[in-house]
Structures are given as C-alpha cells and as structure tokens.
Amino acid sequence: KDEKAEKKYKEIARGFASLVIKLMIFVIIIEGYFIIVYFLSYMFLGQVSCLVSELKLLISRAPTHSFLLLIEKEVIMYNSTTTIEFLPASSFITDYHLKMYGEEEQLLDRFASNKQMHTGSYNDLFKNIVFSNLCRAGLVDLSGTSLDPTICENFNEGILKQGLYASVIKYWDYLRQLNTDFFNSLRGKAQIRQFMNEARLQSAATMQELYFRSALSVLVKTLEKDIDNFFSVEFLKAQIIFIGYFIYLIIVYVFVWRLFLTSITRELWKTKSILGIVPPDRLMSVYEMHSFVLENSGAAYFSKRASQINHHNH
C-alpha cells in the first residue's frame, strides 16, 4: 500500500514538474518576442545614428568648402585684417584646412562602415562621384539646368574626371598656394586687385559653386532616399515579426491553452466527483480538509473580518 502511494505521489510530482516546465517554456517564448524587439530596436537605433552621422557629414561638405573660399576672399579683400572667431584669419585658415581634411576622412570612413546598409545604387554612385568621373553623374546647376559633361571633363585640365576627392585636394591646394603667395606679396591695392582676379581663385570658385555643390547635392538626395528605403525595410521586418508573433499566440491559444484549460476543468470535475462520494463526516474528520473548509468558507471569512474590525476598534 505504501509503495502504491509513493508511486502515485511520484507520478503527481512528475506531472506537476512537467506542467511547470511547459508553462515556463510558454512564458519564455512569449517574453522572447519583447526581448527580440528590444535588441532589434537597439540595433536599428545604432544603424540610424550611423546613417544620420554620414548624412550630416555629407550635407556639411558644400557649406564648408564655400566657407573656406569666402575666408580666402575676405583675407585678400581686407588685407589679412579680418578676424574669425576672435582669431586672425591667417591663423584660422590653417586650422580650418586641418579640420576639413579630418572631416573628409571621417566621411570616407563612415561610408565604408555603412556600406552594408546602403543600396547598391548609392554605393556605385558614391564611388563614381568621389573616386571616378563626377561629370557623368547627371549634375545640374542651381537653376536646374543640366551641366555639360564635356565641359566639366575639360575643366582645369580634367581634374574633375579623377573624382570629387582628388578635386577637393586640388581645390585646397589652390587656396593654400594663393594664401601663401598673397602674404609673400606687397599686399598693396594693386596686388589685392590682382589676387581677387587670380585665375586660381576663379577656378576654385567655379569648382566649388558649380561642380562640387552639384555633385554633393546628388549624393545627399540619393542618400536621403536610401535612408527612407532603409526605414521602409526595417518597418516591414517589424511588421512580419509582429504578425508571426500574433499567429503564434493564436496557435498557442487554440492548440495549447484551450486544451490545458479543458484538462484542468476535467481534473476539477473528477476531484469534485470523488469528494462527492465521500460522506461529509468522514471528510471533515481529516484535519487538513477540516482546516481548509473552515479557512475558505464564507462564515469563516466574515468571522475573521469581524475579529479584525473589533481588534482595530480596541
């Protein structure tokens, strides 16, 4: 008899352990959706930060190049008496050149690190404009008129056919040489007029205002579309994951949870039927059962509540 009881208890324990494990697996899978969404969101925000950083660097290139050209013109026009950010323009230009070079390198590094997040069309366009012939990128001026690729390729001994990066280096060289030559001159009115009409300054202005600005504008617009496409793809992924999770919940409810509730209900009815067979006096003679009934009966509840109220009043 003891062996049968022990065997029965072991079966109950195994059944309970199996139930707990199943519930844990069920809860972990449900919580797994939120964990996956959290990590995907974390990765998504990191990727967005990288793309926005690249876009910010790309947008800042045209104003930065224009600002350098403007500083050089100010230095020549006002005979190096101009101050920028409380510094003499001559000193500021040297530091600004270093800053611009660092930002150009940052842009290239950022493009390389974000390459997998870009579309193939943007990657090809970036390589063609920055490292190849930017004149064939469909450039337009500020009025929207297309720029002649042949004129672009023949400009300044074909420097633009070597790409934006090489052209920007040449642009900086022009301005550095011009700045050095100006400070080594007499810097009289005649020299100032001569330097303001210098071919190198005019070439630098044309490179920046016409070709650099247009090429960078094409890159910025394409990258913005690329980022929009990236957002659309990520949003679609999130929708697919949510739909999959919703279908999973329906499957669990229909094929697992309802069966579990049916099983629990059946077991309760079995227990109730068995208890209904046992005479009440025999049932109440068992101390554990007697205590359970008293503790959970309505009379016991109100009696306990009344005693708590009386104790509080006293």
C-alpha atoms as a PDB file:
ATOM      1  CA  LYS A   1       0.000   0.000   0.000  1.00  0.00           C
ATOM      2  CA  ASP A   2       2.831   2.402   0.880  1.00  0.00           C
ATOM      3  CA  GLU A   3       4.592   1.544  -2.378  1.00  0.00           C
ATOM      4  CA  LYS A   4       1.441   2.316  -4.356  1.00  0.00           C
ATOM      5  CA  ALA A   5       1.004   5.625  -2.546  1.00  0.00           C
ATOM      6  CA  GLU A   6       4.651   6.527  -3.105  1.00  0.00           C
ATOM      7  CA  LYS A   7       4.340   5.658  -6.788  1.00  0.00           C
ATOM      8  CA  LYS A   8       1.197   7.777  -7.023  1.00  0.00           C
ATOM      9  CA  TYR A   9       2.965  10.733  -5.374  1.00  0.00           C
ATOM     10  CA  LYS A  10       5.883  10.410  -7.793  1.00  0.00           C
ATOM     11  CA  GLU A  11       3.509  10.449 -10.752  1.00  0.00           C
ATOM     12  CA  ILE A  12       1.827  13.572  -9.382  1.00  0.00           C
ATOM     13  CA  ALA A  13       5.218  15.217  -8.802  1.00  0.00           C
ATOM     14  CA  ARG A  14       6.359  14.379 -12.323  1.00  0.00           C
ATOM     15  CA  GLY A  15       3.109  15.700 -13.770  1.00  0.00           C
ATOM     16  CA  PHE A  16       3.433  18.914 -11.775  1.00  0.00           C
ATOM     17  CA  ALA A  17       7.077  19.367 -12.829  1.00  0.00           C
ATOM     18  CA  SER A  18       6.113  18.773 -16.461  1.00  0.00           C
ATOM     19  CA  LEU A  19       3.348  21.357 -16.144  1.00  0.00           C
ATOM     20  CA  VAL A  20       5.725  23.928 -14.628  1.00  0.00           C
ATOM     21  CA  ILE A  21       8.302  23.342 -17.388  1.00  0.00           C
ATOM     22  CA  LYS A  22       5.660  23.740 -20.088  1.00  0.00           C
ATOM     23  CA  LEU A  23       4.424  26.961 -18.519  1.00  0.00           C
ATOM     24  CA  MET A  24       7.988  28.278 -18.283  1.00  0.00           C
ATOM     25  CA  ILE A  25       8.622  27.486 -21.952  1.00  0.00           C
ATOM     26  CA  PHE A  26       5.349  29.157 -22.886  1.00  0.00           C
ATOM     27  CA  VAL A  27       6.178  32.299 -20.893  1.00  0.00           C
ATOM     28  CA  ILE A  28       9.776  32.424 -22.222  1.00  0.00           C
ATOM     29  CA  ILE A  29       8.572  32.230 -25.823  1.00  0.00           C
ATOM     30  CA  ILE A  30       6.034  34.994 -25.218  1.00  0.00           C
ATOM     31  CA  GLU A  31       8.624  37.177 -23.478  1.00  0.00           C
ATOM     32  CA  GLY A  32      11.101  36.261 -26.208  1.00  0.00           C
ATOM     33  CA  TYR A  33       9.168  38.443 -28.648  1.00  0.00           C
ATOM     34  CA  PHE A  34       9.703  41.522 -26.499  1.00  0.00           C
ATOM     35  CA  ILE A  35      13.361  40.637 -25.971  1.00  0.00           C
ATOM     36  CA  ILE A  36      13.868  40.239 -29.724  1.00  0.00           C
ATOM     37  CA  VAL A  37      12.065  43.525 -30.403  1.00  0.00           C
ATOM     38  CA  TYR A  38      14.250  45.272 -27.825  1.00  0.00           C
ATOM     39  CA  PHE A  39      17.504  44.085 -29.381  1.00  0.00           C
ATOM     40  CA  LEU A  40      16.261  44.776 -32.918  1.00  0.00           C
ATOM     41  CA  SER A  41      15.247  48.283 -31.845  1.00  0.00           C
ATOM     42  CA  TYR A  42      18.637  48.810 -30.218  1.00  0.00           C
ATOM     43  CA  MET A  43      20.410  47.720 -33.408  1.00  0.00           C
ATOM     44  CA  PHE A  44      18.059  49.831 -35.519  1.00  0.00           C
ATOM     45  CA  LEU A  45      18.773  52.978 -33.497  1.00  0.00           C
ATOM     46  CA  GLY A  46      22.514  52.339 -33.800  1.00  0.00           C
ATOM     47  CA  GLN A  47      22.227  51.942 -37.565  1.00  0.00           C
ATOM     48  CA  VAL A  48      20.092  55.084 -37.845  1.00  0.00           C
ATOM     49  CA  SER A  49      22.680  57.002 -35.816  1.00  0.00           C
ATOM     50  CA  CYS A  50      25.435  55.882 -38.224  1.00  0.00           C
ATOM     51  CA  LEU A  51      23.400  56.811 -41.309  1.00  0.00           C
ATOM     52  CA  VAL A  52      22.414  60.201 -39.895  1.00  0.00           C
ATOM     53  CA  SER A  53      26.050  60.873 -38.993  1.00  0.00           C
ATOM     54  CA  GLU A  54      27.070  60.107 -42.574  1.00  0.00           C
ATOM     55  CA  LEU A  55      24.295  62.308 -43.948  1.00  0.00           C
ATOM     56  CA  LYS A  56      25.322  65.149 -41.632  1.00  0.00           C
ATOM     57  CA  LEU A  57      28.929  64.959 -42.830  1.00  0.00           C
ATOM     58  CA  LEU A  58      27.799  64.837 -46.454  1.00  0.00           C
ATOM     59  CA  ILE A  59      25.474  67.830 -46.090  1.00  0.00           C
ATOM     60  CA  SER A  60      28.182  69.875 -44.382  1.00  0.00           C
ATOM     61  CA  ARG A  61      30.704  69.464 -47.223  1.00  0.00           C
ATOM     62  CA  ALA A  62      29.316  72.139 -49.557  1.00  0.00           C
ATOM     63  CA  PRO A  63      28.930  74.871 -46.883  1.00  0.00           C
ATOM     64  CA  THR A  64      32.375  74.021 -45.512  1.00  0.00           C
ATOM     65  CA  HIS A  65      34.042  74.384 -48.900  1.00  0.00           C
ATOM     66  CA  SER A  66      32.147  77.619 -49.552  1.00  0.00           C
ATOM     67  CA  PHE A  67      33.174  78.979 -46.165  1.00  0.00           C
ATOM     68  CA  LEU A  68      36.849  78.301 -46.887  1.00  0.00           C
ATOM     69  CA  LEU A  69      36.569  80.131 -50.205  1.00  0.00           C
ATOM     70  CA  LEU A  70      34.797  83.039 -48.515  1.00  0.00           C
ATOM     71  CA  ILE A  71      37.519  83.287 -45.839  1.00  0.00           C
ATOM     72  CA  GLU A  72      40.236  83.447 -48.505  1.00  0.00           C
ATOM     73  CA  LYS A  73      38.393  86.204 -50.340  1.00  0.00           C
ATOM     74  CA  GLU A  74      37.950  88.121 -47.073  1.00  0.00           C
ATOM     75  CA  VAL A  75      41.653  87.799 -46.279  1.00  0.00           C
ATOM     76  CA  ILE A  76      42.645  89.203 -49.684  1.00  0.00           C
ATOM     77  CA  MET A  77      39.994  91.890 -49.810  1.00  0.00           C
ATOM     78  CA  TYR A  78      40.715  93.271 -46.332  1.00  0.00           C
ATOM     79  CA  ASN A  79      44.477  92.708 -46.481  1.00  0.00           C
ATOM     80  CA  SER A  80      44.567  89.986 -43.773  1.00  0.00           C
ATOM     81  CA  THR A  81      42.940  92.250 -41.150  1.00  0.00           C
ATOM     82  CA  THR A  82      39.845  90.020 -40.917  1.00  0.00           C
ATOM     83  CA  THR A  83      39.235  88.108 -37.676  1.00  0.00           C
ATOM     84  CA  ILE A  84      37.170  84.914 -37.458  1.00  0.00           C
ATOM     85  CA  GLU A  85      36.043  83.542 -34.099  1.00  0.00           C
ATOM     86  CA  PHE A  86      38.355  86.080 -32.410  1.00  0.00           C
ATOM     87  CA  LEU A  87      41.346  84.703 -34.329  1.00  0.00           C
ATOM     88  CA  PRO A  88      43.293  86.318 -37.186  1.00  0.00           C
ATOM     89  CA  ALA A  89      42.027  84.925 -40.472  1.00  0.00           C
ATOM     90  CA  SER A  90      45.544  83.822 -41.454  1.00  0.00           C
ATOM     91  CA  SER A  91      45.756  81.535 -38.397  1.00  0.00           C
ATOM     92  CA  PHE A  92      42.177  80.375 -38.716  1.00  0.00           C
ATOM     93  CA  ILE A  93      42.658  79.218 -42.320  1.00  0.00           C
ATOM     94  CA  THR A  94      45.492  76.856 -41.362  1.00  0.00           C
ATOM     95  CA  ASP A  95      43.435  75.210 -38.606  1.00  0.00           C
ATOM     96  CA  TYR A  96      40.370  75.095 -40.831  1.00  0.00           C
ATOM     97  CA  HIS A  97      42.262  73.216 -43.537  1.00  0.00           C
ATOM     98  CA  LEU A  98      43.178  70.529 -40.998  1.00  0.00           C
ATOM     99  CA  LYS A  99      39.595  70.335 -39.778  1.00  0.00           C
ATOM    100  CA  MET A 100      38.270  69.954 -43.331  1.00  0.00           C
ATOM    101  CA  TYR A 101      40.734  67.192 -44.103  1.00  0.00           C
ATOM    102  CA  GLY A 102      39.714  65.339 -40.947  1.00  0.00           C
ATOM    103  CA  GLU A 103      36.023  65.605 -41.845  1.00  0.00           C
ATOM    104  CA  GLU A 104      36.678  64.321 -45.380  1.00  0.00           C
ATOM    105  CA  GLU A 105      38.398  61.273 -43.909  1.00  0.00           C
ATOM    106  CA  GLN A 106      35.514  60.804 -41.450  1.00  0.00           C
ATOM    107  CA  LEU A 107      33.046  60.818 -44.344  1.00  0.00           C
ATOM    108  CA  LEU A 108      35.006  58.126 -46.200  1.00  0.00           C
ATOM    109  CA  ASP A 109      35.292  56.021 -43.033  1.00  0.00           C
ATOM    110  CA  ARG A 110      31.597  56.417 -42.316  1.00  0.00           C
ATOM    111  CA  PHE A 111      30.685  55.417 -45.866  1.00  0.00           C
ATOM    112  CA  ALA A 112      32.871  52.308 -45.594  1.00  0.00           C
ATOM    113  CA  SER A 113      31.304  51.286 -42.264  1.00  0.00           C
ATOM    114  CA  ASN A 114      27.738  51.925 -43.513  1.00  0.00           C
ATOM    115  CA  LYS A 115      28.253  50.242 -46.874  1.00  0.00           C
ATOM    116  CA  GLN A 116      26.167  47.193 -45.948  1.00  0.00           C
ATOM    117  CA  MET A 117      23.216  49.420 -45.010  1.00  0.00           C
ATOM    118  CA  HIS A 118      23.230  51.245 -48.349  1.00  0.00           C
ATOM    119  CA  THR A 119      21.653  50.098 -51.578  1.00  0.00           C
ATOM    120  CA  GLY A 120      23.946  49.020 -54.379  1.00  0.00           C
ATOM    121  CA  SER A 121      22.913  52.048 -56.451  1.00  0.00           C
ATOM    122  CA  TYR A 122      24.080  54.506 -53.787  1.00  0.00           C
ATOM    123  CA  ASN A 123      27.357  52.654 -53.265  1.00  0.00           C
ATOM    124  CA  ASP A 124      28.073  52.771 -57.002  1.00  0.00           C
ATOM    125  CA  LEU A 125      27.097  56.444 -57.226  1.00  0.00           C
ATOM    126  CA  PHE A 126      29.315  57.385 -54.270  1.00  0.00           C
ATOM    127  CA  LYS A 127      32.308  55.577 -55.754  1.00  0.00           C
ATOM    128  CA  ASN A 128      31.760  57.135 -59.185  1.00  0.00           C
ATOM    129  CA  ILE A 129      31.433  60.688 -57.855  1.00  0.00           C
ATOM    130  CA  VAL A 130      34.112  60.551 -55.159  1.00  0.00           C
ATOM    131  CA  PHE A 131      36.745  58.387 -56.816  1.00  0.00           C
ATOM    132  CA  SER A 132      35.878  58.386 -60.515  1.00  0.00           C
ATOM    133  CA  ASN A 133      34.410  60.780 -63.090  1.00  0.00           C
ATOM    134  CA  LEU A 134      31.893  63.024 -61.284  1.00  0.00           C
ATOM    135  CA  CYS A 135      30.996  64.761 -64.554  1.00  0.00           C
ATOM    136  CA  ARG A 136      28.898  61.750 -65.619  1.00  0.00           C
ATOM    137  CA  ALA A 137      26.673  61.821 -62.506  1.00  0.00           C
ATOM    138  CA  GLY A 138      23.909  63.953 -64.042  1.00  0.00           C
ATOM    139  CA  LEU A 139      24.954  67.252 -62.461  1.00  0.00           C
ATOM    140  CA  VAL A 140      22.665  70.309 -62.596  1.00  0.00           C
ATOM    141  CA  ASP A 141      23.220  73.936 -61.575  1.00  0.00           C
ATOM    142  CA  LEU A 142      21.136  75.920 -59.070  1.00  0.00           C
ATOM    143  CA  SER A 143      18.546  76.744 -61.743  1.00  0.00           C
ATOM    144  CA  GLY A 144      18.076  73.047 -62.558  1.00  0.00           C
ATOM    145  CA  THR A 145      19.895  73.203 -65.898  1.00  0.00           C
ATOM    146  CA  SER A 146      21.981  70.147 -66.716  1.00  0.00           C
ATOM    147  CA  LEU A 147      25.725  70.724 -66.816  1.00  0.00           C
ATOM    148  CA  ASP A 148      27.545  69.726 -69.990  1.00  0.00           C
ATOM    149  CA  PRO A 149      29.677  66.637 -69.137  1.00  0.00           C
ATOM    150  CA  THR A 150      32.228  67.501 -71.852  1.00  0.00           C
ATOM    151  CA  ILE A 151      32.847  70.993 -70.461  1.00  0.00           C
ATOM    152  CA  CYS A 152      33.079  69.504 -66.990  1.00  0.00           C
ATOM    153  CA  GLU A 153      35.651  66.918 -68.102  1.00  0.00           C
ATOM    154  CA  ASN A 154      37.777  69.545 -69.872  1.00  0.00           C
ATOM    155  CA  PHE A 155      37.664  71.975 -66.941  1.00  0.00           C
ATOM    156  CA  ASN A 156      41.026  72.679 -65.265  1.00  0.00           C
ATOM    157  CA  GLU A 157      42.998  70.029 -67.160  1.00  0.00           C
ATOM    158  CA  GLY A 158      40.409  67.319 -66.481  1.00  0.00           C
ATOM    159  CA  ILE A 159      40.811  67.277 -62.688  1.00  0.00           C
ATOM    160  CA  LEU A 160      37.118  66.539 -62.178  1.00  0.00           C
ATOM    161  CA  LYS A 161      37.444  63.261 -64.098  1.00  0.00           C
ATOM    162  CA  GLN A 162      39.560  61.996 -61.193  1.00  0.00           C
ATOM    163  CA  GLY A 163      36.653  62.271 -58.780  1.00  0.00           C
ATOM    164  CA  LEU A 164      35.481  64.579 -56.029  1.00  0.00           C
ATOM    165  CA  TYR A 165      38.161  63.557 -53.524  1.00  0.00           C
ATOM    166  CA  ALA A 166      41.089  64.395 -55.835  1.00  0.00           C
ATOM    167  CA  SER A 167      39.327  67.592 -56.955  1.00  0.00           C
ATOM    168  CA  VAL A 168      38.822  68.736 -53.372  1.00  0.00           C
ATOM    169  CA  ILE A 169      42.517  68.175 -52.643  1.00  0.00           C
ATOM    170  CA  LYS A 170      43.337  70.306 -55.708  1.00  0.00           C
ATOM    171  CA  TYR A 171      40.854  72.934 -54.516  1.00  0.00           C
ATOM    172  CA  TRP A 172      42.588  73.133 -51.130  1.00  0.00           C
ATOM    173  CA  ASP A 173      45.984  73.362 -52.831  1.00  0.00           C
ATOM    174  CA  TYR A 174      44.792  76.309 -54.915  1.00  0.00           C
ATOM    175  CA  LEU A 175      43.633  78.192 -51.838  1.00  0.00           C
ATOM    176  CA  ARG A 176      46.732  77.339 -49.797  1.00  0.00           C
ATOM    177  CA  GLN A 177      49.055  78.454 -52.599  1.00  0.00           C
ATOM    178  CA  LEU A 178      47.008  81.586 -53.123  1.00  0.00           C
ATOM    179  CA  ASN A 179      47.109  82.375 -49.427  1.00  0.00           C
ATOM    180  CA  THR A 180      50.899  81.864 -49.269  1.00  0.00           C
ATOM    181  CA  ASP A 181      51.540  83.954 -52.370  1.00  0.00           C
ATOM    182  CA  PHE A 182      49.354  86.756 -51.062  1.00  0.00           C
ATOM    183  CA  PHE A 183      51.183  87.001 -47.731  1.00  0.00           C
ATOM    184  CA  ASN A 184      54.515  86.959 -49.556  1.00  0.00           C
ATOM    185  CA  SER A 185      53.446  89.883 -51.774  1.00  0.00           C
ATOM    186  CA  LEU A 186      53.498  93.619 -51.055  1.00  0.00           C
ATOM    187  CA  ARG A 187      49.731  93.477 -50.425  1.00  0.00           C
ATOM    188  CA  GLY A 188      49.058  96.899 -51.852  1.00  0.00           C
ATOM    189  CA  LYS A 189      45.843  97.893 -53.622  1.00  0.00           C
ATOM    190  CA  ALA A 190      47.195  96.746 -56.961  1.00  0.00           C
ATOM    191  CA  GLN A 191      48.206  93.368 -55.567  1.00  0.00           C
ATOM    192  CA  ILE A 192      44.838  92.957 -53.830  1.00  0.00           C
ATOM    193  CA  ARG A 193      43.011  93.659 -57.111  1.00  0.00           C
ATOM    194  CA  GLN A 194      45.306  91.235 -58.912  1.00  0.00           C
ATOM    195  CA  PHE A 195      44.748  88.425 -56.408  1.00  0.00           C
ATOM    196  CA  MET A 196      40.978  88.953 -56.410  1.00  0.00           C
ATOM    197  CA  ASN A 197      41.057  88.314 -60.163  1.00  0.00           C
ATOM    198  CA  GLU A 198      43.594  85.470 -59.908  1.00  0.00           C
ATOM    199  CA  ALA A 199      42.884  82.504 -62.184  1.00  0.00           C
ATOM    200  CA  ARG A 200      43.389  80.076 -59.297  1.00  0.00           C
ATOM    201  CA  LEU A 201      40.752  81.846 -57.203  1.00  0.00           C
ATOM    202  CA  GLN A 202      38.307  81.879 -60.123  1.00  0.00           C
ATOM    203  CA  SER A 203      38.952  78.193 -60.819  1.00  0.00           C
ATOM    204  CA  ALA A 204      38.434  77.350 -57.143  1.00  0.00           C
ATOM    205  CA  ALA A 205      35.173  79.306 -57.116  1.00  0.00           C
ATOM    206  CA  THR A 206      33.919  77.513 -60.234  1.00  0.00           C
ATOM    207  CA  MET A 207      34.883  74.116 -58.845  1.00  0.00           C
ATOM    208  CA  GLN A 208      33.029  74.774 -55.598  1.00  0.00           C
ATOM    209  CA  GLU A 209      29.985  76.745 -56.665  1.00  0.00           C
ATOM    210  CA  LEU A 210      29.250  74.800 -59.845  1.00  0.00           C
ATOM    211  CA  TYR A 211      30.615  71.263 -59.667  1.00  0.00           C
ATOM    212  CA  PHE A 212      31.236  70.389 -56.005  1.00  0.00           C
ATOM    213  CA  ARG A 213      27.875  71.762 -54.885  1.00  0.00           C
ATOM    214  CA  SER A 214      26.016  69.903 -57.645  1.00  0.00           C
ATOM    215  CA  ALA A 215      27.831  66.594 -57.078  1.00  0.00           C
ATOM    216  CA  LEU A 216      27.294  66.749 -53.315  1.00  0.00           C
ATOM    217  CA  SER A 217      23.623  67.633 -53.850  1.00  0.00           C
ATOM    218  CA  VAL A 218      23.178  64.483 -55.968  1.00  0.00           C
ATOM    219  CA  LEU A 219      24.802  62.393 -53.217  1.00  0.00           C
ATOM    220  CA  VAL A 220      22.693  63.964 -50.458  1.00  0.00           C
ATOM    221  CA  LYS A 221      19.405  63.408 -52.308  1.00  0.00           C
ATOM    222  CA  THR A 222      20.311  59.823 -53.133  1.00  0.00           C
ATOM    223  CA  LEU A 223      21.388  59.097 -49.541  1.00  0.00           C
ATOM    224  CA  GLU A 224      18.125  60.558 -48.209  1.00  0.00           C
ATOM    225  CA  LYS A 225      16.186  58.196 -50.494  1.00  0.00           C
ATOM    226  CA  ASP A 226      18.471  55.392 -49.350  1.00  0.00           C
ATOM    227  CA  ILE A 227      17.680  56.134 -45.707  1.00  0.00           C
ATOM    228  CA  ASP A 228      13.939  56.240 -46.488  1.00  0.00           C
ATOM    229  CA  ASN A 229      14.279  52.837 -48.134  1.00  0.00           C
ATOM    230  CA  PHE A 230      16.192  51.551 -45.090  1.00  0.00           C
ATOM    231  CA  PHE A 231      13.369  52.716 -42.803  1.00  0.00           C
ATOM    232  CA  SER A 232      10.768  51.029 -45.020  1.00  0.00           C
ATOM    233  CA  VAL A 233      12.646  47.719 -44.972  1.00  0.00           C
ATOM    234  CA  GLU A 234      13.083  47.820 -41.186  1.00  0.00           C
ATOM    235  CA  PHE A 235       9.401  48.691 -40.703  1.00  0.00           C
ATOM    236  CA  LEU A 236       8.427  45.755 -42.915  1.00  0.00           C
ATOM    237  CA  LYS A 237      10.652  43.458 -40.817  1.00  0.00           C
ATOM    238  CA  ALA A 238       8.935  44.680 -37.642  1.00  0.00           C
ATOM    239  CA  GLN A 239       5.504  44.045 -39.179  1.00  0.00           C
ATOM    240  CA  ILE A 240       6.487  40.498 -40.224  1.00  0.00           C
ATOM    241  CA  ILE A 241       7.816  39.732 -36.726  1.00  0.00           C
ATOM    242  CA  PHE A 242       4.621  41.063 -35.113  1.00  0.00           C
ATOM    243  CA  ILE A 243       2.371  39.088 -37.473  1.00  0.00           C
ATOM    244  CA  GLY A 244       4.399  35.939 -36.773  1.00  0.00           C
ATOM    245  CA  TYR A 245       4.095  36.561 -33.020  1.00  0.00           C
ATOM    246  CA  PHE A 246       0.332  37.141 -33.319  1.00  0.00           C
ATOM    247  CA  ILE A 247      -0.121  33.912 -35.290  1.00  0.00           C
ATOM    248  CA  TYR A 248       1.946  32.117 -32.641  1.00  0.00           C
ATOM    249  CA  LEU A 249      -0.392  33.416 -29.893  1.00  0.00           C
ATOM    250  CA  ILE A 250      -3.440  32.193 -31.811  1.00  0.00           C
ATOM    251  CA  ILE A 251      -1.868  28.760 -32.313  1.00  0.00           C
ATOM    252  CA  VAL A 252      -0.912  28.545 -28.629  1.00  0.00           C
ATOM    253  CA  TYR A 253      -4.402  29.595 -27.549  1.00  0.00           C
ATOM    254  CA  VAL A 254      -6.223  27.149 -29.839  1.00  0.00           C
ATOM    255  CA  PHE A 255      -3.954  24.108 -29.571  1.00  0.00           C
ATOM    256  CA  VAL A 256      -2.342  24.540 -26.145  1.00  0.00           C
ATOM    257  CA  TRP A 257      -4.121  26.882 -23.778  1.00  0.00           C
ATOM    258  CA  ARG A 258      -7.662  25.682 -24.504  1.00  0.00           C
ATOM    259  CA  LEU A 259      -6.545  22.067 -24.177  1.00  0.00           C
ATOM    260  CA  PHE A 260      -4.822  22.957 -20.918  1.00  0.00           C
ATOM    261  CA  LEU A 261      -7.971  24.621 -19.553  1.00  0.00           C
ATOM    262  CA  THR A 262     -10.072  21.662 -20.685  1.00  0.00           C
ATOM    263  CA  SER A 263      -7.683  19.294 -18.900  1.00  0.00           C
ATOM    264  CA  ILE A 264      -7.771  21.376 -15.716  1.00  0.00           C
ATOM    265  CA  THR A 265     -11.588  21.536 -15.815  1.00  0.00           C
ATOM    266  CA  ARG A 266     -11.779  17.761 -16.293  1.00  0.00           C
ATOM    267  CA  GLU A 267      -9.465  17.173 -13.336  1.00  0.00           C
ATOM    268  CA  LEU A 268     -11.520  19.529 -11.174  1.00  0.00           C
ATOM    269  CA  TRP A 269     -14.704  17.692 -12.051  1.00  0.00           C
ATOM    270  CA  LYS A 270     -13.031  14.383 -11.252  1.00  0.00           C
ATOM    271  CA  THR A 271     -11.901  15.719  -7.895  1.00  0.00           C
ATOM    272  CA  LYS A 272     -15.340  17.147  -7.190  1.00  0.00           C
ATOM    273  CA  SER A 273     -16.977  13.832  -8.108  1.00  0.00           C
ATOM    274  CA  ILE A 274     -14.612  11.896  -5.854  1.00  0.00           C
ATOM    275  CA  LEU A 275     -15.192  14.275  -2.953  1.00  0.00           C
ATOM    276  CA  GLY A 276     -18.928  13.993  -3.541  1.00  0.00           C
ATOM    277  CA  ILE A 277     -18.756  10.252  -2.880  1.00  0.00           C
ATOM    278  CA  VAL A 278     -17.026  10.655   0.490  1.00  0.00           C
ATOM    279  CA  PRO A 279     -19.503  11.233   3.368  1.00  0.00           C
ATOM    280  CA  PRO A 280     -19.206  14.733   4.876  1.00  0.00           C
ATOM    281  CA  ASP A 281     -18.476  13.423   8.393  1.00  0.00           C
ATOM    282  CA  ARG A 282     -15.611  11.277   7.102  1.00  0.00           C
ATOM    283  CA  LEU A 283     -14.365  14.192   5.046  1.00  0.00           C
ATOM    284  CA  MET A 284     -14.400  16.578   7.997  1.00  0.00           C
ATOM    285  CA  SER A 285     -12.635  14.032  10.190  1.00  0.00           C
ATOM    286  CA  VAL A 286      -9.476  14.657   8.172  1.00  0.00           C
ATOM    287  CA  TYR A 287      -7.696  17.546   9.889  1.00  0.00           C
ATOM    288  CA  GLU A 288      -6.244  19.127   6.738  1.00  0.00           C
ATOM    289  CA  MET A 289      -9.597  19.027   4.958  1.00  0.00           C
ATOM    290  CA  HIS A 290     -11.414  20.342   8.034  1.00  0.00           C
ATOM    291  CA  SER A 291      -8.985  23.291   8.294  1.00  0.00           C
ATOM    292  CA  PHE A 292      -9.224  24.040   4.580  1.00  0.00           C
ATOM    293  CA  VAL A 293     -13.029  24.185   4.641  1.00  0.00           C
ATOM    294  CA  LEU A 294     -13.098  26.432   7.690  1.00  0.00           C
ATOM    295  CA  GLU A 295     -10.492  28.814   6.333  1.00  0.00           C
ATOM    296  CA  ASN A 296     -12.202  29.146   2.956  1.00  0.00           C
ATOM    297  CA  SER A 297     -15.854  29.126   3.930  1.00  0.00           C
ATOM    298  CA  GLY A 298     -17.918  32.311   3.909  1.00  0.00           C
ATOM    299  CA  ALA A 299     -18.699  32.099   7.603  1.00  0.00           C
ATOM    300  CA  ALA A 300     -15.042  31.815   8.485  1.00  0.00           C
ATOM    301  CA  TYR A 301     -14.200  34.789   6.291  1.00  0.00           C
ATOM    302  CA  PHE A 302     -16.802  37.066   7.897  1.00  0.00           C
ATOM    303  CA  SER A 303     -15.860  35.843  11.368  1.00  0.00           C
ATOM    304  CA  LYS A 304     -12.205  36.612  10.712  1.00  0.00           C
ATOM    305  CA  ARG A 305     -13.090  40.029   9.216  1.00  0.00           C
ATOM    306  CA  ALA A 306     -15.271  40.902  12.223  1.00  0.00           C
ATOM    307  CA  SER A 307     -12.493  39.983  14.649  1.00  0.00           C
ATOM    308  CA  GLN A 308     -10.075  42.213  12.676  1.00  0.00           C
ATOM    309  CA  ILE A 309     -12.516  45.148  12.888  1.00  0.00           C
ATOM    310  CA  ASN A 310     -13.073  44.656  16.634  1.00  0.00           C
ATOM    311  CA  HIS A 311      -9.323  44.456  17.195  1.00  0.00           C
ATOM    312  CA  HIS A 312      -8.835  47.680  15.240  1.00  0.00           C
ATOM    313  CA  ASN A 313     -11.568  49.475  17.267  1.00  0.00           C
ATOM    314  CA  HIS A 314      -9.996  48.425  20.546  1.00  0.00           C
END
